[in-house]
Amino acid sequence: MGKLIEDFETYRTKMNDRIMESSNTNIKRFFALDTTTYAEGALDVKTKEMLGLVASMVLRCDDCIKYHLGKCHEAGVKHDEMNEVFMIANLVGGSIVIPHYRRAVEYWAELNEA
């Protein structure tokens, strides 16, 4: 596992654990809603993760981009499919997405080296 992936997953796990230790029912419900939304349904998990990635890129959330890249990798998204996802995100989001696109390409490459 590459350093980018390891650092991201370690931090995300640590902070999610800290958040879930709180007694805040609403945030626990929100996390559960997120989990169930991306589960298999009328759309398959792979499609949902690609949609989540496009939305994350357009909204310019690097943590969300990394998360969905990892899930896309787990779901078996191929290189050509990912390039199309990246192009849709750039088309919808405009040139302001390009810096996030660069980091996404780097992270995707590291995922595929592992």
N, C-alpha and C. Protein backbone atom coordinates (compact mmCIF):
# COMPACT_ATOMS: atom_id res chain seq x y z
N MET A 1 0.86 -1.18 0.00
CA MET A 1 0.00 0.00 0.00
C MET A 1 0.90 1.23 0.00
N GLY A 2 0.58 2.16 -0.90
CA GLY A 2 1.37 3.37 -1.00
C GLY A 2 1.12 4.34 0.14
N LYS A 3 2.05 5.28 0.30
CA LYS A 3 1.97 6.24 1.40
C LYS A 3 0.71 7.10 1.35
N LEU A 4 0.33 7.57 0.15
CA LEU A 4 -0.89 8.38 0.05
C LEU A 4 -2.10 7.62 0.58
N ILE A 5 -2.21 6.37 0.18
CA ILE A 5 -3.35 5.55 0.60
C ILE A 5 -3.29 5.26 2.09
N GLU A 6 -2.12 4.85 2.56
CA GLU A 6 -1.96 4.52 3.97
C GLU A 6 -2.26 5.72 4.87
N ASP A 7 -1.71 6.88 4.53
CA ASP A 7 -1.95 8.09 5.33
C ASP A 7 -3.44 8.44 5.36
N PHE A 8 -4.08 8.39 4.20
CA PHE A 8 -5.50 8.73 4.13
C PHE A 8 -6.34 7.75 4.94
N GLU A 9 -6.13 6.47 4.74
CA GLU A 9 -6.95 5.47 5.43
C GLU A 9 -6.72 5.48 6.94
N THR A 10 -5.48 5.68 7.37
CA THR A 10 -5.18 5.74 8.81
C THR A 10 -5.89 6.91 9.46
N TYR A 11 -5.76 8.09 8.85
CA TYR A 11 -6.39 9.29 9.41
C TYR A 11 -7.91 9.17 9.40
N ARG A 12 -8.47 8.71 8.30
CA ARG A 12 -9.92 8.59 8.17
C ARG A 12 -10.48 7.63 9.22
N THR A 13 -9.84 6.50 9.37
CA THR A 13 -10.29 5.51 10.37
C THR A 13 -10.20 6.09 11.78
N LYS A 14 -9.07 6.71 12.09
CA LYS A 14 -8.87 7.29 13.43
C LYS A 14 -9.95 8.32 13.75
N MET A 15 -10.21 9.21 12.81
CA MET A 15 -11.17 10.28 13.08
C MET A 15 -12.61 9.78 13.04
N ASN A 16 -12.93 8.84 12.16
CA ASN A 16 -14.28 8.27 12.17
C ASN A 16 -14.54 7.54 13.48
N ASP A 17 -13.55 6.82 13.98
CA ASP A 17 -13.70 6.14 15.28
C ASP A 17 -13.96 7.15 16.38
N ARG A 18 -13.23 8.24 16.36
CA ARG A 18 -13.42 9.28 17.38
C ARG A 18 -14.82 9.88 17.29
N ILE A 19 -15.28 10.14 16.06
CA ILE A 19 -16.62 10.70 15.86
C ILE A 19 -17.68 9.71 16.35
N MET A 20 -17.52 8.44 16.03
CA MET A 20 -18.53 7.44 16.39
C MET A 20 -18.55 7.16 17.89
N GLU A 21 -17.48 7.49 18.60
CA GLU A 21 -17.46 7.33 20.06
C GLU A 21 -18.37 8.35 20.75
N SER A 22 -18.68 9.43 20.06
CA SER A 22 -19.55 10.44 20.66
C SER A 22 -20.96 9.89 20.76
N SER A 23 -21.76 10.55 21.53
CA SER A 23 -23.15 10.09 21.71
C SER A 23 -24.10 10.81 20.75
N ASN A 24 -23.59 11.39 19.68
CA ASN A 24 -24.41 12.14 18.75
C ASN A 24 -25.16 11.19 17.82
N THR A 25 -26.42 10.98 18.11
CA THR A 25 -27.25 10.07 17.33
C THR A 25 -27.42 10.53 15.90
N ASN A 26 -27.53 11.83 15.69
CA ASN A 26 -27.76 12.34 14.34
C ASN A 26 -26.60 12.02 13.40
N ILE A 27 -25.36 12.21 13.87
CA ILE A 27 -24.22 11.93 12.98
C ILE A 27 -24.13 10.42 12.73
N LYS A 28 -24.45 9.61 13.73
CA LYS A 28 -24.46 8.16 13.52
C LYS A 28 -25.50 7.77 12.48
N ARG A 29 -26.64 8.40 12.51
CA ARG A 29 -27.68 8.15 11.51
C ARG A 29 -27.23 8.60 10.12
N PHE A 30 -26.54 9.73 10.08
CA PHE A 30 -26.05 10.24 8.80
C PHE A 30 -25.02 9.27 8.20
N PHE A 31 -24.10 8.78 9.03
CA PHE A 31 -23.12 7.81 8.55
C PHE A 31 -23.83 6.55 8.05
N ALA A 32 -24.85 6.11 8.77
CA ALA A 32 -25.60 4.91 8.36
C ALA A 32 -26.32 5.15 7.04
N LEU A 33 -26.88 6.35 6.87
CA LEU A 33 -27.55 6.70 5.61
C LEU A 33 -26.55 6.66 4.45
N ASP A 34 -25.37 7.18 4.68
CA ASP A 34 -24.33 7.16 3.66
C ASP A 34 -24.00 5.71 3.27
N THR A 35 -23.85 4.86 4.25
CA THR A 35 -23.52 3.45 3.99
C THR A 35 -24.63 2.76 3.21
N THR A 36 -25.87 2.95 3.60
CA THR A 36 -26.97 2.26 2.92
C THR A 36 -27.22 2.83 1.52
N THR A 37 -26.96 4.11 1.34
CA THR A 37 -27.15 4.73 0.02
C THR A 37 -26.23 4.12 -1.03
N TYR A 38 -25.01 3.78 -0.64
CA TYR A 38 -24.05 3.23 -1.58
C TYR A 38 -24.10 1.71 -1.68
N ALA A 39 -25.05 1.08 -1.00
CA ALA A 39 -25.21 -0.37 -1.08
C ALA A 39 -25.90 -0.76 -2.39
N GLU A 40 -25.77 -2.01 -2.76
CA GLU A 40 -26.41 -2.54 -3.97
C GLU A 40 -27.91 -2.24 -3.92
N GLY A 41 -28.46 -1.82 -5.04
CA GLY A 41 -29.89 -1.51 -5.15
C GLY A 41 -30.28 -1.55 -6.60
N ALA A 42 -31.14 -0.62 -7.01
CA ALA A 42 -31.49 -0.54 -8.43
C ALA A 42 -30.24 -0.25 -9.27
N LEU A 43 -29.31 0.51 -8.69
CA LEU A 43 -28.00 0.71 -9.30
C LEU A 43 -26.99 -0.16 -8.57
N ASP A 44 -26.01 -0.68 -9.31
CA ASP A 44 -24.99 -1.49 -8.66
C ASP A 44 -23.99 -0.59 -7.92
N VAL A 45 -23.22 -1.20 -7.04
CA VAL A 45 -22.26 -0.45 -6.22
C VAL A 45 -21.25 0.29 -7.08
N LYS A 46 -20.78 -0.35 -8.13
CA LYS A 46 -19.78 0.26 -9.02
C LYS A 46 -20.32 1.58 -9.61
N THR A 47 -21.53 1.57 -10.10
CA THR A 47 -22.14 2.77 -10.67
C THR A 47 -22.31 3.84 -9.61
N LYS A 48 -22.78 3.46 -8.43
CA LYS A 48 -22.98 4.43 -7.36
C LYS A 48 -21.66 5.08 -6.95
N GLU A 49 -20.59 4.30 -6.88
CA GLU A 49 -19.30 4.86 -6.50
C GLU A 49 -18.77 5.81 -7.57
N MET A 50 -18.98 5.48 -8.85
CA MET A 50 -18.56 6.38 -9.91
C MET A 50 -19.35 7.68 -9.84
N LEU A 51 -20.65 7.60 -9.54
CA LEU A 51 -21.46 8.81 -9.37
C LEU A 51 -20.97 9.63 -8.18
N GLY A 52 -20.66 8.94 -7.10
CA GLY A 52 -20.13 9.63 -5.92
C GLY A 52 -18.81 10.33 -6.22
N LEU A 53 -17.99 9.69 -7.04
CA LEU A 53 -16.70 10.29 -7.41
C LEU A 53 -16.90 11.55 -8.24
N VAL A 54 -17.78 11.49 -9.22
CA VAL A 54 -18.05 12.68 -10.04
C VAL A 54 -18.55 13.82 -9.14
N ALA A 55 -19.50 13.53 -8.28
CA ALA A 55 -20.03 14.57 -7.39
C ALA A 55 -18.93 15.14 -6.50
N SER A 56 -18.09 14.28 -5.98
CA SER A 56 -17.00 14.72 -5.10
C SER A 56 -16.00 15.60 -5.84
N MET A 57 -15.71 15.24 -7.09
CA MET A 57 -14.79 16.07 -7.87
C MET A 57 -15.39 17.42 -8.18
N VAL A 58 -16.65 17.44 -8.56
CA VAL A 58 -17.33 18.70 -8.87
C VAL A 58 -17.41 19.58 -7.62
N LEU A 59 -17.64 18.96 -6.47
CA LEU A 59 -17.71 19.71 -5.22
C LEU A 59 -16.33 20.01 -4.64
N ARG A 60 -15.29 19.44 -5.25
CA ARG A 60 -13.89 19.69 -4.90
C ARG A 60 -13.54 19.27 -3.48
N CYS A 61 -13.96 18.06 -3.11
CA CYS A 61 -13.66 17.50 -1.79
C CYS A 61 -12.59 16.41 -1.95
N ASP A 62 -11.33 16.74 -1.68
CA ASP A 62 -10.25 15.78 -1.88
C ASP A 62 -10.40 14.52 -1.04
N ASP A 63 -10.85 14.65 0.20
CA ASP A 63 -11.07 13.45 1.02
C ASP A 63 -12.13 12.55 0.40
N CYS A 64 -13.21 13.15 -0.06
CA CYS A 64 -14.28 12.37 -0.69
C CYS A 64 -13.79 11.74 -1.98
N ILE A 65 -12.99 12.46 -2.74
CA ILE A 65 -12.43 11.92 -3.98
C ILE A 65 -11.60 10.69 -3.68
N LYS A 66 -10.71 10.78 -2.70
CA LYS A 66 -9.88 9.63 -2.34
C LYS A 66 -10.73 8.46 -1.89
N TYR A 67 -11.73 8.73 -1.08
CA TYR A 67 -12.60 7.66 -0.59
C TYR A 67 -13.29 6.95 -1.76
N HIS A 68 -13.88 7.71 -2.66
CA HIS A 68 -14.60 7.11 -3.78
C HIS A 68 -13.65 6.45 -4.78
N LEU A 69 -12.45 6.98 -4.94
CA LEU A 69 -11.46 6.30 -5.78
C LEU A 69 -11.16 4.91 -5.21
N GLY A 70 -10.99 4.84 -3.90
CA GLY A 70 -10.74 3.54 -3.26
C GLY A 70 -11.91 2.59 -3.46
N LYS A 71 -13.11 3.08 -3.29
CA LYS A 71 -14.30 2.24 -3.47
C LYS A 71 -14.47 1.84 -4.94
N CYS A 72 -14.16 2.74 -5.86
CA CYS A 72 -14.21 2.39 -7.29
C CYS A 72 -13.20 1.29 -7.59
N HIS A 73 -12.03 1.39 -7.01
CA HIS A 73 -11.00 0.37 -7.21
C HIS A 73 -11.51 -0.97 -6.69
N GLU A 74 -12.08 -0.98 -5.50
CA GLU A 74 -12.64 -2.21 -4.91
C GLU A 74 -13.76 -2.78 -5.79
N ALA A 75 -14.53 -1.90 -6.41
CA ALA A 75 -15.68 -2.33 -7.23
C ALA A 75 -15.25 -2.78 -8.63
N GLY A 76 -13.97 -2.67 -8.94
CA GLY A 76 -13.49 -3.17 -10.22
C GLY A 76 -13.55 -2.20 -11.37
N VAL A 77 -13.59 -0.90 -11.08
CA VAL A 77 -13.59 0.08 -12.15
C VAL A 77 -12.27 -0.03 -12.91
N LYS A 78 -12.37 -0.09 -14.21
CA LYS A 78 -11.20 -0.22 -15.09
C LYS A 78 -10.63 1.16 -15.44
N HIS A 79 -9.40 1.15 -15.92
CA HIS A 79 -8.70 2.39 -16.26
C HIS A 79 -9.49 3.23 -17.26
N ASP A 80 -9.99 2.60 -18.31
CA ASP A 80 -10.75 3.34 -19.33
C ASP A 80 -12.03 3.93 -18.75
N GLU A 81 -12.69 3.18 -17.88
CA GLU A 81 -13.91 3.69 -17.23
C GLU A 81 -13.56 4.89 -16.36
N MET A 82 -12.46 4.79 -15.62
CA MET A 82 -12.07 5.89 -14.74
C MET A 82 -11.75 7.14 -15.54
N ASN A 83 -11.10 6.98 -16.69
CA ASN A 83 -10.82 8.15 -17.52
C ASN A 83 -12.10 8.84 -17.96
N GLU A 84 -13.14 8.06 -18.26
CA GLU A 84 -14.42 8.67 -18.63
C GLU A 84 -15.08 9.37 -17.44
N VAL A 85 -14.96 8.77 -16.26
CA VAL A 85 -15.47 9.41 -15.05
C VAL A 85 -14.77 10.75 -14.85
N PHE A 86 -13.44 10.75 -14.98
CA PHE A 86 -12.68 11.99 -14.82
C PHE A 86 -13.12 13.04 -15.85
N MET A 87 -13.37 12.64 -17.07
CA MET A 87 -13.77 13.59 -18.10
C MET A 87 -15.15 14.18 -17.80
N ILE A 88 -16.07 13.36 -17.31
CA ILE A 88 -17.40 13.88 -16.94
C ILE A 88 -17.27 14.89 -15.82
N ALA A 89 -16.46 14.56 -14.80
CA ALA A 89 -16.28 15.48 -13.67
C ALA A 89 -15.69 16.81 -14.14
N ASN A 90 -14.72 16.75 -15.04
CA ASN A 90 -14.11 17.99 -15.53
C ASN A 90 -15.08 18.78 -16.40
N LEU A 91 -15.86 18.09 -17.20
CA LEU A 91 -16.84 18.77 -18.04
C LEU A 91 -17.90 19.47 -17.18
N VAL A 92 -18.43 18.77 -16.21
CA VAL A 92 -19.48 19.33 -15.36
C VAL A 92 -18.92 20.41 -14.43
N GLY A 93 -17.75 20.16 -13.87
CA GLY A 93 -17.19 21.07 -12.88
C GLY A 93 -16.40 22.23 -13.44
N GLY A 94 -15.90 22.08 -14.65
CA GLY A 94 -15.11 23.15 -15.25
C GLY A 94 -13.64 23.08 -14.84
N SER A 95 -12.90 24.09 -15.28
CA SER A 95 -11.44 24.07 -15.10
C SER A 95 -11.01 24.10 -13.64
N ILE A 96 -11.88 24.54 -12.74
CA ILE A 96 -11.53 24.58 -11.32
C ILE A 96 -11.34 23.17 -10.75
N VAL A 97 -11.83 22.17 -11.45
CA VAL A 97 -11.69 20.77 -11.02
C VAL A 97 -10.30 20.22 -11.36
N ILE A 98 -9.58 20.85 -12.26
CA ILE A 98 -8.31 20.30 -12.74
C ILE A 98 -7.31 20.00 -11.62
N PRO A 99 -7.11 20.87 -10.62
CA PRO A 99 -6.18 20.50 -9.55
C PRO A 99 -6.61 19.22 -8.80
N HIS A 100 -7.89 19.04 -8.63
CA HIS A 100 -8.42 17.83 -7.97
C HIS A 100 -8.26 16.62 -8.89
N TYR A 101 -8.40 16.85 -10.18
CA TYR A 101 -8.17 15.81 -11.19
C TYR A 101 -6.73 15.32 -11.11
N ARG A 102 -5.79 16.26 -11.00
CA ARG A 102 -4.37 15.86 -10.90
C ARG A 102 -4.15 14.95 -9.70
N ARG A 103 -4.67 15.36 -8.55
CA ARG A 103 -4.49 14.54 -7.33
C ARG A 103 -5.22 13.22 -7.45
N ALA A 104 -6.37 13.22 -8.11
CA ALA A 104 -7.13 11.98 -8.31
C ALA A 104 -6.36 11.00 -9.19
N VAL A 105 -5.74 11.51 -10.25
CA VAL A 105 -4.94 10.66 -11.14
C VAL A 105 -3.78 10.05 -10.36
N GLU A 106 -3.13 10.84 -9.52
CA GLU A 106 -2.02 10.34 -8.70
C GLU A 106 -2.49 9.25 -7.75
N TYR A 107 -3.61 9.50 -7.07
CA TYR A 107 -4.13 8.54 -6.10
C TYR A 107 -4.59 7.25 -6.80
N TRP A 108 -5.26 7.39 -7.95
CA TRP A 108 -5.72 6.23 -8.73
C TRP A 108 -4.52 5.37 -9.16
N ALA A 109 -3.46 6.02 -9.58
CA ALA A 109 -2.25 5.28 -9.98
C ALA A 109 -1.68 4.50 -8.80
N GLU A 110 -1.67 5.14 -7.63
CA GLU A 110 -1.16 4.44 -6.44
C GLU A 110 -2.05 3.26 -6.07
N LEU A 111 -3.35 3.43 -6.19
CA LEU A 111 -4.27 2.31 -5.91
C LEU A 111 -3.99 1.14 -6.83
N ASN A 112 -3.67 1.43 -8.07
CA ASN A 112 -3.44 0.38 -9.05
C ASN A 112 -2.04 -0.23 -8.98
N GLU A 113 -1.16 0.38 -8.23
CA GLU A 113 0.17 -0.18 -7.99
C GLU A 113 0.15 -1.18 -6.86
N ALA A 114 -0.81 -1.03 -5.96
CA ALA A 114 -0.87 -1.88 -4.76
C ALA A 114 -1.22 -3.32 -5.10
